[in-house]
C-alpha atoms as a PDB file:
ATOM      1  CA  UNK A   1      16.681  18.575 -20.800  1.00  0.00           C
ATOM      2  CA  UNK A   2      14.321  15.755 -21.318  1.00  0.00           C
ATOM      3  CA  UNK A   3      12.270  15.065 -18.172  1.00  0.00           C
ATOM      4  CA  UNK A   4      10.950  11.716 -16.936  1.00  0.00           C
ATOM      5  CA  UNK A   5       7.590  10.219 -17.451  1.00  0.00           C
ATOM      6  CA  UNK A   6       5.342  10.968 -14.566  1.00  0.00           C
ATOM      7  CA  UNK A   7       3.862   7.828 -13.360  1.00  0.00           C
ATOM      8  CA  UNK A   8       0.312   9.159 -12.530  1.00  0.00           C
ATOM      9  CA  UNK A   9      -1.235   6.881  -9.596  1.00  0.00           C
ATOM     10  CA  UNK A  10      -4.848   8.717  -9.737  1.00  0.00           C
ATOM     11  CA  UNK A  11      -5.066   7.551 -13.317  1.00  0.00           C
ATOM     12  CA  UNK A  12      -4.024   4.067 -12.861  1.00  0.00           C
ATOM     13  CA  UNK A  13      -6.042   3.661  -9.110  1.00  0.00           C
ATOM     14  CA  UNK A  14      -9.067   4.572 -11.397  1.00  0.00           C
ATOM     15  CA  UNK A  15      -8.489   2.050 -13.845  1.00  0.00           C
ATOM     16  CA  UNK A  16      -8.425  -0.479 -10.861  1.00  0.00           C
ATOM     17  CA  UNK A  17     -11.377   0.770  -9.441  1.00  0.00           C
ATOM     18  CA  UNK A  18     -13.365   0.318 -12.713  1.00  0.00           C
ATOM     19  CA  UNK A  19     -12.276  -2.978 -13.220  1.00  0.00           C
ATOM     20  CA  UNK A  20     -13.327  -3.877  -9.742  1.00  0.00           C
ATOM     21  CA  UNK A  21     -16.647  -2.152 -10.437  1.00  0.00           C
ATOM     22  CA  UNK A  22     -17.254  -4.353 -13.030  1.00  0.00           C
ATOM     23  CA  UNK A  23     -16.007  -7.536 -11.046  1.00  0.00           C
ATOM     24  CA  UNK A  24     -18.300  -6.373  -8.151  1.00  0.00           C
ATOM     25  CA  UNK A  25     -21.223  -6.057 -10.594  1.00  0.00           C
ATOM     26  CA  UNK A  26     -20.845  -9.300 -11.828  1.00  0.00           C
ATOM     27  CA  UNK A  27     -20.886 -11.101  -9.102  1.00  0.00           C
ATOM     28  CA  UNK A  28     -23.871  -9.281  -7.556  1.00  0.00           C
ATOM     29  CA  UNK A  29     -25.846  -9.955 -10.723  1.00  0.00           C
ATOM     30  CA  UNK A  30     -24.688 -13.707 -10.555  1.00  0.00           C
ATOM     31  CA  UNK A  31     -26.413 -13.963  -7.235  1.00  0.00           C
ATOM     32  CA  UNK A  32     -22.926 -14.172  -5.341  1.00  0.00           C
ATOM     33  CA  UNK A  33     -22.002 -12.340  -2.145  1.00  0.00           C
ATOM     34  CA  UNK A  34     -21.398  -8.715  -2.097  1.00  0.00           C
ATOM     35  CA  UNK A  35     -17.754  -7.940  -0.705  1.00  0.00           C
ATOM     36  CA  UNK A  36     -17.784  -6.543   2.733  1.00  0.00           C
ATOM     37  CA  UNK A  37     -14.998  -4.384   4.038  1.00  0.00           C
ATOM     38  CA  UNK A  38     -14.801  -3.494   7.715  1.00  0.00           C
ATOM     39  CA  UNK A  39     -12.505  -0.368   8.844  1.00  0.00           C
ATOM     40  CA  UNK A  40     -12.026   0.293  12.440  1.00  0.00           C
ATOM     41  CA  UNK A  41     -10.412   3.383  13.925  1.00  0.00           C
ATOM     42  CA  UNK A  42      -9.681   3.997  17.363  1.00  0.00           C
ATOM     43  CA  UNK A  43      -8.993   7.604  18.151  1.00  0.00           C
ATOM     44  CA  UNK A  44      -9.376  10.963  16.583  1.00  0.00           C
ATOM     45  CA  UNK A  45      -5.937  11.448  14.523  1.00  0.00           C
ATOM     46  CA  UNK A  46      -7.388  13.843  11.727  1.00  0.00           C
ATOM     47  CA  UNK A  47      -5.115  12.112   8.694  1.00  0.00           C
ATOM     48  CA  UNK A  48      -6.413   8.769   9.774  1.00  0.00           C
ATOM     49  CA  UNK A  49      -9.910  10.070   9.970  1.00  0.00           C
ATOM     50  CA  UNK A  50      -9.532  11.390   6.457  1.00  0.00           C
ATOM     51  CA  UNK A  51      -7.936   7.988   5.362  1.00  0.00           C
ATOM     52  CA  UNK A  52     -10.743   6.229   6.709  1.00  0.00           C
ATOM     53  CA  UNK A  53     -13.587   8.142   5.277  1.00  0.00           C
ATOM     54  CA  UNK A  54     -11.740   7.691   1.776  1.00  0.00           C
ATOM     55  CA  UNK A  55     -11.573   3.711   2.150  1.00  0.00           C
ATOM     56  CA  UNK A  56     -15.124   3.908   3.004  1.00  0.00           C
ATOM     57  CA  UNK A  57     -16.474   6.186   0.090  1.00  0.00           C
ATOM     58  CA  UNK A  58     -14.019   3.996  -2.505  1.00  0.00           C
ATOM     59  CA  UNK A  59     -15.447   0.839  -1.261  1.00  0.00           C
ATOM     60  CA  UNK A  60     -18.947   1.907  -1.770  1.00  0.00           C
ATOM     61  CA  UNK A  61     -18.283   3.597  -5.436  1.00  0.00           C
ATOM     62  CA  UNK A  62     -17.285  -0.086  -6.427  1.00  0.00           C
ATOM     63  CA  UNK A  63     -20.169  -1.676  -5.081  1.00  0.00           C
ATOM     64  CA  UNK A  64     -18.911  -3.175  -1.744  1.00  0.00           C
ATOM     65  CA  UNK A  65     -20.614  -3.241   1.644  1.00  0.00           C
ATOM     66  CA  UNK A  66     -18.904  -0.658   3.977  1.00  0.00           C
ATOM     67  CA  UNK A  67     -18.827  -1.217   7.634  1.00  0.00           C
ATOM     68  CA  UNK A  68     -16.960   1.640   9.568  1.00  0.00           C
ATOM     69  CA  UNK A  69     -16.367   1.239  13.343  1.00  0.00           C
ATOM     70  CA  UNK A  70     -14.945   4.872  15.131  1.00  0.00           C
ATOM     71  CA  UNK A  71     -14.021   4.060  18.416  1.00  0.00           C
ATOM     72  CA  UNK A  72     -12.764   6.702  21.166  1.00  0.00           C
ATOM     73  CA  UNK A  73      -8.876   7.003  22.005  1.00  0.00           C
ATOM     74  CA  UNK A  74     -10.083   5.419  25.336  1.00  0.00           C
ATOM     75  CA  UNK A  75     -11.212   2.239  24.050  1.00  0.00           C
ATOM     76  CA  UNK A  76      -9.646  -0.801  26.073  1.00  0.00           C
ATOM     77  CA  UNK A  77      -7.326  -3.228  24.329  1.00  0.00           C
ATOM     78  CA  UNK A  78     -10.106  -6.045  25.339  1.00  0.00           C
ATOM     79  CA  UNK A  79     -12.764  -4.174  23.881  1.00  0.00           C
ATOM     80  CA  UNK A  80     -10.945  -3.647  20.392  1.00  0.00           C
ATOM     81  CA  UNK A  81     -10.108  -7.579  20.224  1.00  0.00           C
ATOM     82  CA  UNK A  82     -13.652  -8.334  21.179  1.00  0.00           C
ATOM     83  CA  UNK A  83     -14.838  -6.254  18.200  1.00  0.00           C
ATOM     84  CA  UNK A  84     -12.285  -7.787  15.887  1.00  0.00           C
ATOM     85  CA  UNK A  85     -13.302 -11.369  16.875  1.00  0.00           C
ATOM     86  CA  UNK A  86     -16.933 -10.216  15.950  1.00  0.00           C
ATOM     87  CA  UNK A  87     -15.880  -9.356  12.795  1.00  0.00           C
ATOM     88  CA  UNK A  88     -14.141 -12.622  12.338  1.00  0.00           C
ATOM     89  CA  UNK A  89     -17.255 -14.362  12.832  1.00  0.00           C
ATOM     90  CA  UNK A  90     -19.498 -12.009  10.771  1.00  0.00           C
ATOM     91  CA  UNK A  91     -20.255 -13.519   7.058  1.00  0.00           C
ATOM     92  CA  UNK A  92     -20.669 -10.159   5.527  1.00  0.00           C
ATOM     93  CA  UNK A  93     -17.361  -9.334   6.390  1.00  0.00           C
ATOM     94  CA  UNK A  94     -14.957 -10.282   4.132  1.00  0.00           C
ATOM     95  CA  UNK A  95     -12.019  -7.765   4.848  1.00  0.00           C
ATOM     96  CA  UNK A  96     -11.183  -6.327   8.300  1.00  0.00           C
ATOM     97  CA  UNK A  97      -8.857  -3.178   8.401  1.00  0.00           C
ATOM     98  CA  UNK A  98      -7.600  -1.692  11.730  1.00  0.00           C
ATOM     99  CA  UNK A  99      -6.285   1.711  11.127  1.00  0.00           C
ATOM    100  CA  UNK A 100      -2.734   2.304  12.394  1.00  0.00           C
ATOM    101  CA  UNK A 101      -1.394   4.027  14.383  1.00  0.00           C
ATOM    102  CA  UNK A 102      -3.363   2.874  17.559  1.00  0.00           C
ATOM    103  CA  UNK A 103      -3.288   4.647  21.106  1.00  0.00           C
ATOM    104  CA  UNK A 104      -0.148   3.743  22.843  1.00  0.00           C
ATOM    105  CA  UNK A 105      -2.026   1.637  25.510  1.00  0.00           C
ATOM    106  CA  UNK A 106      -3.044  -0.758  22.958  1.00  0.00           C
ATOM    107  CA  UNK A 107      -0.608  -3.514  21.532  1.00  0.00           C
ATOM    108  CA  UNK A 108      -0.931  -3.076  17.720  1.00  0.00           C
ATOM    109  CA  UNK A 109       0.600  -6.356  16.899  1.00  0.00           C
ATOM    110  CA  UNK A 110      -1.741  -8.322  19.405  1.00  0.00           C
ATOM    111  CA  UNK A 111      -4.671  -6.610  17.536  1.00  0.00           C
ATOM    112  CA  UNK A 112      -3.227  -7.197  13.982  1.00  0.00           C
ATOM    113  CA  UNK A 113      -2.763 -10.810  14.749  1.00  0.00           C
ATOM    114  CA  UNK A 114      -6.017 -11.283  15.826  1.00  0.00           C
ATOM    115  CA  UNK A 115      -7.519 -10.802  12.657  1.00  0.00           C
ATOM    116  CA  UNK A 116      -8.309 -13.684  10.792  1.00  0.00           C
ATOM    117  CA  UNK A 117      -5.489 -14.323   8.075  1.00  0.00           C
ATOM    118  CA  UNK A 118      -8.414 -14.870   5.487  1.00  0.00           C
ATOM    119  CA  UNK A 119      -9.787 -11.419   6.312  1.00  0.00           C
ATOM    120  CA  UNK A 120      -6.518  -9.662   6.678  1.00  0.00           C
ATOM    121  CA  UNK A 121      -6.718  -7.245   3.740  1.00  0.00           C
ATOM    122  CA  UNK A 122      -3.629  -5.480   4.901  1.00  0.00           C
ATOM    123  CA  UNK A 123      -1.536  -8.389   4.847  1.00  0.00           C
ATOM    124  CA  UNK A 124       0.152  -7.985   8.350  1.00  0.00           C
ATOM    125  CA  UNK A 125      -0.757 -11.099   9.790  1.00  0.00           C
ATOM    126  CA  UNK A 126       1.995 -13.318  10.283  1.00  0.00           C
ATOM    127  CA  UNK A 127       0.333 -15.942   8.390  1.00  0.00           C
ATOM    128  CA  UNK A 128       0.345 -14.146   5.194  1.00  0.00           C
ATOM    129  CA  UNK A 129       3.616 -12.696   6.069  1.00  0.00           C
ATOM    130  CA  UNK A 130       5.049 -16.174   5.960  1.00  0.00           C
ATOM    131  CA  UNK A 131       3.006 -17.000   2.890  1.00  0.00           C
ATOM    132  CA  UNK A 132       4.474 -14.050   0.965  1.00  0.00           C
ATOM    133  CA  UNK A 133       8.354 -14.939   1.984  1.00  0.00           C
ATOM    134  CA  UNK A 134       8.090 -18.368   1.109  1.00  0.00           C
ATOM    135  CA  UNK A 135       5.934 -18.037  -2.064  1.00  0.00           C
ATOM    136  CA  UNK A 136       2.393 -18.997  -1.016  1.00  0.00           C
ATOM    137  CA  UNK A 137      -0.783 -17.330  -1.955  1.00  0.00           C
ATOM    138  CA  UNK A 138      -1.284 -14.491   0.422  1.00  0.00           C
ATOM    139  CA  UNK A 139      -2.806 -11.394   1.069  1.00  0.00           C
ATOM    140  CA  UNK A 140      -0.258  -8.914   0.375  1.00  0.00           C
ATOM    141  CA  UNK A 141       0.280  -5.302   1.883  1.00  0.00           C
ATOM    142  CA  UNK A 142      -1.519  -2.669  -0.180  1.00  0.00           C
ATOM    143  CA  UNK A 143       1.114   0.034  -0.750  1.00  0.00           C
ATOM    144  CA  UNK A 144       3.663  -2.532  -2.086  1.00  0.00           C
ATOM    145  CA  UNK A 145       1.529  -4.127  -4.316  1.00  0.00           C
ATOM    146  CA  UNK A 146       0.122  -0.993  -5.749  1.00  0.00           C
ATOM    147  CA  UNK A 147       3.942  -0.230  -6.254  1.00  0.00           C
ATOM    148  CA  UNK A 148       4.573  -3.454  -8.221  1.00  0.00           C
ATOM    149  CA  UNK A 149       1.383  -2.611 -10.247  1.00  0.00           C
ATOM    150  CA  UNK A 150       2.685   0.549 -11.560  1.00  0.00           C
ATOM    151  CA  UNK A 151       6.173  -0.880 -12.138  1.00  0.00           C
ATOM    152  CA  UNK A 152       4.761  -3.827 -14.113  1.00  0.00           C
ATOM    153  CA  UNK A 153       2.360  -1.172 -16.070  1.00  0.00           C
ATOM    154  CA  UNK A 154       5.518   0.735 -16.804  1.00  0.00           C
ATOM    155  CA  UNK A 155       8.218  -1.752 -17.414  1.00  0.00           C
ATOM    156  CA  UNK A 156       6.514  -4.989 -18.250  1.00  0.00           C
ATOM    157  CA  UNK A 157       8.649  -7.748 -17.084  1.00  0.00           C
ATOM    158  CA  UNK A 158      10.828  -7.241 -14.175  1.00  0.00           C
ATOM    159  CA  UNK A 159      13.050  -9.979 -14.765  1.00  0.00           C
ATOM    160  CA  UNK A 160      16.770  -9.092 -14.088  1.00  0.00           C
ATOM    161  CA  UNK A 161      16.231  -5.818 -13.287  1.00  0.00           C
ATOM    162  CA  UNK A 162      18.660  -4.330 -10.436  1.00  0.00           C
ATOM    163  CA  UNK A 163      16.253  -2.726  -7.941  1.00  0.00           C
ATOM    164  CA  UNK A 164      17.021  -1.044  -4.694  1.00  0.00           C
ATOM    165  CA  UNK A 165      14.301  -0.686  -1.812  1.00  0.00           C
ATOM    166  CA  UNK A 166      15.104   2.215   0.672  1.00  0.00           C
ATOM    167  CA  UNK A 167      13.535   1.135   3.939  1.00  0.00           C
ATOM    168  CA  UNK A 168      12.825  -2.192   5.827  1.00  0.00           C
ATOM    169  CA  UNK A 169       9.849  -1.638   7.372  1.00  0.00           C
ATOM    170  CA  UNK A 170       7.066  -4.651   7.607  1.00  0.00           C
ATOM    171  CA  UNK A 171       4.434  -2.400   5.705  1.00  0.00           C
ATOM    172  CA  UNK A 172       6.501  -1.552   2.756  1.00  0.00           C
ATOM    173  CA  UNK A 173      10.190  -2.259   2.491  1.00  0.00           C
ATOM    174  CA  UNK A 174      10.220  -5.689   3.293  1.00  0.00           C
ATOM    175  CA  UNK A 175       7.182  -6.964   1.551  1.00  0.00           C
ATOM    176  CA  UNK A 176       8.345  -4.523  -1.405  1.00  0.00           C
ATOM    177  CA  UNK A 177      11.429  -6.423  -1.746  1.00  0.00           C
ATOM    178  CA  UNK A 178       9.830  -9.781  -1.468  1.00  0.00           C
ATOM    179  CA  UNK A 179       7.308  -8.892  -4.446  1.00  0.00           C
ATOM    180  CA  UNK A 180      10.235  -7.733  -6.518  1.00  0.00           C
ATOM    181  CA  UNK A 181      12.158 -11.122  -5.907  1.00  0.00           C
ATOM    182  CA  UNK A 182       8.902 -12.634  -6.892  1.00  0.00           C
ATOM    183  CA  UNK A 183       9.285 -11.071 -10.377  1.00  0.00           C
ATOM    184  CA  UNK A 184      12.944 -12.498 -10.590  1.00  0.00           C
ATOM    185  CA  UNK A 185      14.527  -8.852  -9.984  1.00  0.00           C
ATOM    186  CA  UNK A 186      17.911  -8.324  -8.345  1.00  0.00           C
ATOM    187  CA  UNK A 187      16.898  -6.795  -5.120  1.00  0.00           C
ATOM    188  CA  UNK A 188      19.079  -4.852  -2.433  1.00  0.00           C
ATOM    189  CA  UNK A 189      17.530  -3.748   0.834  1.00  0.00           C
ATOM    190  CA  UNK A 190      19.092  -0.367   2.339  1.00  0.00           C
ATOM    191  CA  UNK A 191      18.475   1.368   5.380  1.00  0.00           C
ATOM    192  CA  UNK A 192      20.350   3.538   7.860  1.00  0.00           C
ATOM    193  CA  UNK A 193      23.230   1.665   8.440  1.00  0.00           C
ATOM    194  CA  UNK A 194      24.209   1.037   4.609  1.00  0.00           C
ATOM    195  CA  UNK A 195      27.527   2.372   3.628  1.00  0.00           C
ATOM    196  CA  UNK A 196      27.421   4.472   0.409  1.00  0.00           C
ATOM    197  CA  UNK A 197      23.724   4.587   0.385  1.00  0.00           C
ATOM    198  CA  UNK A 198      23.991   7.078  -2.763  1.00  0.00           C
ATOM    199  CA  UNK A 199      26.243   4.739  -4.558  1.00  0.00           C
ATOM    200  CA  UNK A 200      24.169   1.763  -3.971  1.00  0.00           C
ATOM    201  CA  UNK A 201      20.990   3.668  -5.428  1.00  0.00           C
ATOM    202  CA  UNK A 202      23.029   4.735  -8.706  1.00  0.00           C
ATOM    203  CA  UNK A 203      23.621   0.989  -9.544  1.00  0.00           C
ATOM    204  CA  UNK A 204      19.755   0.378  -9.533  1.00  0.00           C
ATOM    205  CA  UNK A 205      17.382   0.528 -12.439  1.00  0.00           C
ATOM    206  CA  UNK A 206      14.349   0.639  -9.850  1.00  0.00           C
ATOM    207  CA  UNK A 207      14.384   2.843  -6.836  1.00  0.00           C
ATOM    208  CA  UNK A 208      11.728   2.439  -4.299  1.00  0.00           C
ATOM    209  CA  UNK A 209      12.171   4.998  -1.493  1.00  0.00           C
ATOM    210  CA  UNK A 210      10.108   4.404   1.772  1.00  0.00           C
ATOM    211  CA  UNK A 211      12.339   6.079   4.490  1.00  0.00           C
ATOM    212  CA  UNK A 212      10.196   8.697   5.755  1.00  0.00           C
ATOM    213  CA  UNK A 213      12.839  11.473   5.378  1.00  0.00           C
ATOM    214  CA  UNK A 214      11.756  14.385   3.379  1.00  0.00           C
ATOM    215  CA  UNK A 215      13.678  14.595   0.132  1.00  0.00           C
ATOM    216  CA  UNK A 216      16.498  12.173   1.274  1.00  0.00           C
ATOM    217  CA  UNK A 217      17.374  10.797  -2.133  1.00  0.00           C
ATOM    218  CA  UNK A 218      19.082  13.405  -4.605  1.00  0.00           C
ATOM    219  CA  UNK A 219      18.948  13.583  -8.097  1.00  0.00           C
ATOM    220  CA  UNK A 220      22.611  12.743  -8.272  1.00  0.00           C
ATOM    221  CA  UNK A 221      21.444   9.509  -6.673  1.00  0.00           C
ATOM    222  CA  UNK A 222      19.725   8.277  -9.333  1.00  0.00           C
ATOM    223  CA  UNK A 223      20.908   6.505 -12.574  1.00  0.00           C
ATOM    224  CA  UNK A 224      19.832   7.856 -15.894  1.00  0.00           C
ATOM    225  CA  UNK A 225      16.914   6.192 -16.906  1.00  0.00           C
ATOM    226  CA  UNK A 226      16.105   4.565 -13.787  1.00  0.00           C
ATOM    227  CA  UNK A 227      12.312   4.108 -12.330  1.00  0.00           C
ATOM    228  CA  UNK A 228      11.552   5.887  -9.229  1.00  0.00           C
ATOM    229  CA  UNK A 229       8.905   4.939  -6.962  1.00  0.00           C
ATOM    230  CA  UNK A 230       8.548   7.380  -4.081  1.00  0.00           C
ATOM    231  CA  UNK A 231       6.430   6.059  -1.198  1.00  0.00           C
ATOM    232  CA  UNK A 232       7.030   8.893   1.109  1.00  0.00           C
ATOM    233  CA  UNK A 233       4.652  11.367   2.155  1.00  0.00           C
ATOM    234  CA  UNK A 234       6.120  13.883   4.391  1.00  0.00           C
ATOM    235  CA  UNK A 235       4.713  17.307   5.425  1.00  0.00           C
ATOM    236  CA  UNK A 236       7.045  20.167   5.373  1.00  0.00           C
ATOM    237  CA  UNK A 237       7.097  24.127   5.689  1.00  0.00           C
ATOM    238  CA  UNK A 238       5.844  26.056   2.638  1.00  0.00           C
ATOM    239  CA  UNK A 239       7.461  29.015   1.341  1.00  0.00           C
ATOM    240  CA  UNK A 240       4.154  30.674   2.672  1.00  0.00           C
ATOM    241  CA  UNK A 241       4.424  31.544   6.332  1.00  0.00           C
ATOM    242  CA  UNK A 242       2.163  29.168   8.184  1.00  0.00           C
ATOM    243  CA  UNK A 243       1.663  26.782   5.333  1.00  0.00           C
ATOM    244  CA  UNK A 244       2.807  23.513   4.804  1.00  0.00           C
ATOM    245  CA  UNK A 245       3.469  21.350   1.600  1.00  0.00           C
ATOM    246  CA  UNK A 246       3.790  17.191   0.845  1.00  0.00           C
ATOM    247  CA  UNK A 247       6.778  16.004  -0.356  1.00  0.00           C
ATOM    248  CA  UNK A 248       8.216  12.651  -1.013  1.00  0.00           C
ATOM    249  CA  UNK A 249      11.399  10.811   0.094  1.00  0.00           C
ATOM    250  CA  UNK A 250      12.829  11.752  -3.403  1.00  0.00           C
ATOM    251  CA  UNK A 251      13.994  15.057  -4.076  1.00  0.00           C
ATOM    252  CA  UNK A 252      11.378  15.216  -7.139  1.00  0.00           C
ATOM    253  CA  UNK A 253      12.819  18.621  -8.928  1.00  0.00           C
ATOM    254  CA  UNK A 254      16.252  17.064  -9.113  1.00  0.00           C
ATOM    255  CA  UNK A 255      15.037  13.375 -10.062  1.00  0.00           C
ATOM    256  CA  UNK A 256      12.897  13.895 -12.776  1.00  0.00           C
ATOM    257  CA  UNK A 257      15.554  15.738 -14.652  1.00  0.00           C
ATOM    258  CA  UNK A 258      17.660  12.337 -14.367  1.00  0.00           C
ATOM    259  CA  UNK A 259      15.314   9.286 -14.056  1.00  0.00           C
ATOM    260  CA  UNK A 260      13.260   7.476 -16.961  1.00  0.00           C
ATOM    261  CA  UNK A 261       9.858   7.815 -14.871  1.00  0.00           C
ATOM    262  CA  UNK A 262       8.924   8.508 -11.433  1.00  0.00           C
ATOM    263  CA  UNK A 263       5.856   9.009  -9.112  1.00  0.00           C
ATOM    264  CA  UNK A 264       4.933  12.264  -7.763  1.00  0.00           C
ATOM    265  CA  UNK A 265       3.998  13.252  -4.212  1.00  0.00           C
ATOM    266  CA  UNK A 266       1.275  13.624  -4.220  1.00  0.00           C
ATOM    267  CA  UNK A 267      -0.766  11.970  -6.676  1.00  0.00           C
ATOM    268  CA  UNK A 268       1.674   8.694  -7.179  1.00  0.00           C
ATOM    269  CA  UNK A 269       1.663   5.825  -4.780  1.00  0.00           C
ATOM    270  CA  UNK A 270      -0.906   7.421  -2.107  1.00  0.00           C
ATOM    271  CA  UNK A 271      -3.956   6.775  -4.540  1.00  0.00           C
ATOM    272  CA  UNK A 272      -2.731   3.125  -5.404  1.00  0.00           C
ATOM    273  CA  UNK A 273      -2.938   2.156  -1.588  1.00  0.00           C
ATOM    274  CA  UNK A 274      -6.707   2.346  -1.390  1.00  0.00           C
ATOM    275  CA  UNK A 275      -7.230   0.710  -4.774  1.00  0.00           C
ATOM    276  CA  UNK A 276      -5.510  -2.188  -3.970  1.00  0.00           C
ATOM    277  CA  UNK A 277      -7.154  -2.507  -0.506  1.00  0.00           C
ATOM    278  CA  UNK A 278     -10.427  -2.990  -2.580  1.00  0.00           C
ATOM    279  CA  UNK A 279      -8.523  -5.584  -4.860  1.00  0.00           C
ATOM    280  CA  UNK A 280      -7.589  -7.443  -1.450  1.00  0.00           C
ATOM    281  CA  UNK A 281     -10.971  -7.254  -0.033  1.00  0.00           C
ATOM    282  CA  UNK A 282     -12.711  -8.603  -3.417  1.00  0.00           C
ATOM    283  CA  UNK A 283     -10.060 -11.318  -3.398  1.00  0.00           C
ATOM    284  CA  UNK A 284     -10.923 -12.086   0.198  1.00  0.00           C
ATOM    285  CA  UNK A 285     -14.354 -12.485  -0.393  1.00  0.00           C
ATOM    286  CA  UNK A 286     -13.773 -14.646  -3.698  1.00  0.00           C
ATOM    287  CA  UNK A 287     -11.361 -16.750  -1.707  1.00  0.00           C
ATOM    288  CA  UNK A 288     -14.046 -17.305   1.444  1.00  0.00           C
ATOM    289  CA  UNK A 289     -16.704 -18.298  -1.125  1.00  0.00           C
ATOM    290  CA  UNK A 290     -14.525 -20.676  -3.239  1.00  0.00           C
ATOM    291  CA  UNK A 291     -14.883 -18.378  -6.251  1.00  0.00           C
ATOM    292  CA  UNK A 292     -12.352 -17.730  -8.888  1.00  0.00           C
ATOM    293  CA  UNK A 293     -10.454 -14.602  -8.414  1.00  0.00           C
ATOM    294  CA  UNK A 294      -7.866 -13.003 -11.167  1.00  0.00           C
ATOM    295  CA  UNK A 295      -4.985 -11.061  -9.727  1.00  0.00           C
ATOM    296  CA  UNK A 296      -4.713  -7.575 -11.255  1.00  0.00           C
ATOM    297  CA  UNK A 297      -0.944  -7.500 -10.713  1.00  0.00           C
END
């Protein structure tokens, strides 16, 4: 039985970082600014700590300035807002990322809205959300942007493709749908209230799964030859007692026998998120200094 092509996010992300390194080096050698990325982590969540370390390491690898702020979980909301305001005013910082989730006593939306839209490299500020929806120039959330790059690398033009996005979060689902619409795909957004979810999936040429439910999308939900982008990262018990393993929102072993192409978990969408964060940071730097910037997507 023919298996789907595996879309290697590690390889695509490495290509992106190589190109970004060349651009940052050229910017520096021409006497231009050094792109600066500030990452703020509140609390001691282990997964977030690993993620923040990776972001800072990758930023330094491509030649960017990396600023890391590690705050205790007890940090007051006003203290965090004051830090964001200082970073908004700091000309060496071109991009600001506040790692989510935040402690429960902090209003995450208030914090995200306090980041200047020009420095909002996560693309979560209402200004950037609105610009994306209305077709304007915007900072775009990193994970959907990475998904789009992988799709276009594999398929080329997405015009006329029938796409379904499973999940309606503001982080992935909604911006992913908007990006697909920009590419002239015909887009369905599905969620927990969708009737005949499996049937809706079977009609799609492109399936983007971002629901946070381990292996919810079964192989018989996939149209033969469809392209499957699995955004899910779920930790589940492994066969060995006391161990865990990572799986996506798609039952990979079933879907790989049906799909035309599919992203694995891990090693698919995950690496693209950090790569596109660096892309957004360089774009933010160029825009703030009125320098030309060529989009990778």
